[in-house]
Amino acid sequence: MVPADNSLNVFFDLVPTGAALYAPIYDADGELVDFRFTRLNPAGQRLLGLPAQPPRSFREYYPTSEPTGIFA
């Protein structure tokens, strides 16, 4: 049995679907301008070809993402 406090980590690592956790990045005015990857599960790593903690921000990897409204 896995301790309850570790259940989310185990699920995140074992789920066969790519998943990412992000932290918001705000500018000086408090506007959301980007996301920092905090963790990418193994399936996501395989899908995107990135490490568990990608070194660049979301917009650095996906510079054309702003028009999609993801930062609205």
Protein backbone atom coordinates (compact mmCIF):
# COMPACT_ATOMS: atom_id res chain seq x y z
CA MET A 1 0.00 0.00 0.00
CA VAL A 2 1.29 3.47 -0.92
CA PRO A 3 1.05 6.18 1.78
CA ALA A 4 -1.71 8.72 1.02
CA ASP A 5 0.72 11.65 0.77
CA ASN A 6 2.57 9.85 -2.02
CA SER A 7 -0.49 8.65 -3.96
CA LEU A 8 -0.59 11.64 -6.31
CA ASN A 9 3.11 11.25 -7.14
CA VAL A 10 2.66 7.55 -7.89
CA PHE A 11 -0.42 8.23 -10.04
CA PHE A 12 1.34 11.05 -11.88
CA ASP A 13 4.34 8.85 -12.66
CA LEU A 14 2.33 5.79 -13.72
CA VAL A 15 -0.53 7.29 -15.73
CA PRO A 16 0.02 6.39 -19.41
CA THR A 17 -1.14 9.81 -20.61
CA GLY A 18 1.29 12.71 -20.85
CA ALA A 19 0.80 15.18 -18.00
CA ALA A 20 2.59 18.32 -16.88
CA LEU A 21 2.52 20.52 -13.81
CA TYR A 22 3.14 24.22 -14.34
CA ALA A 23 3.81 27.27 -12.17
CA PRO A 24 2.59 30.66 -13.41
CA ILE A 25 5.03 33.44 -14.30
CA TYR A 26 3.74 37.00 -13.85
CA ASP A 27 5.14 40.31 -15.07
CA ALA A 28 5.65 43.40 -12.86
CA ASP A 29 1.99 44.37 -13.34
CA GLY A 30 0.75 40.99 -12.17
CA GLU A 31 -0.25 39.80 -15.64
CA LEU A 32 0.23 36.15 -16.49
CA VAL A 33 2.94 36.02 -19.15
CA ASP A 34 4.27 32.46 -19.12
CA PHE A 35 4.40 29.13 -17.33
CA ARG A 36 7.35 27.28 -15.86
CA PHE A 37 7.28 23.51 -16.09
CA THR A 38 7.56 22.12 -12.58
CA ARG A 39 7.23 18.50 -13.58
CA LEU A 40 6.58 16.36 -16.62
CA ASN A 41 5.55 12.73 -16.13
CA PRO A 42 7.35 9.91 -17.99
CA ALA A 43 4.63 9.66 -20.67
CA GLY A 44 4.86 13.42 -21.23
CA GLN A 45 8.63 13.20 -21.44
CA ARG A 46 8.37 10.58 -24.19
CA LEU A 47 5.63 12.49 -26.02
CA LEU A 48 7.42 15.86 -25.98
CA GLY A 49 11.02 14.67 -25.91
CA LEU A 50 11.71 16.76 -22.80
CA PRO A 51 13.23 15.94 -19.40
CA ALA A 52 11.22 15.61 -16.17
CA GLN A 53 11.98 19.26 -15.32
CA PRO A 54 12.35 21.11 -18.61
CA PRO A 55 14.84 24.00 -18.28
CA ARG A 56 12.92 26.49 -20.43
CA SER A 57 9.52 28.11 -20.00
CA PHE A 58 6.35 27.11 -21.84
CA ARG A 59 6.60 30.06 -24.25
CA GLU A 60 10.23 29.30 -24.99
CA TYR A 61 9.16 25.85 -26.17
CA TYR A 62 5.91 27.05 -27.77
CA PRO A 63 6.39 30.68 -28.91
CA THR A 64 3.22 30.69 -31.02
CA SER A 65 0.98 29.73 -28.09
CA GLU A 66 -0.10 33.27 -27.14
CA PRO A 67 -2.75 33.69 -29.89
CA THR A 68 -4.48 30.54 -28.63
CA GLY A 69 -5.65 32.42 -25.54
CA ILE A 70 -3.75 30.24 -23.10
CA PHE A 71 -2.54 33.36 -21.25
CA ALA A 72 -5.91 35.12 -21.17
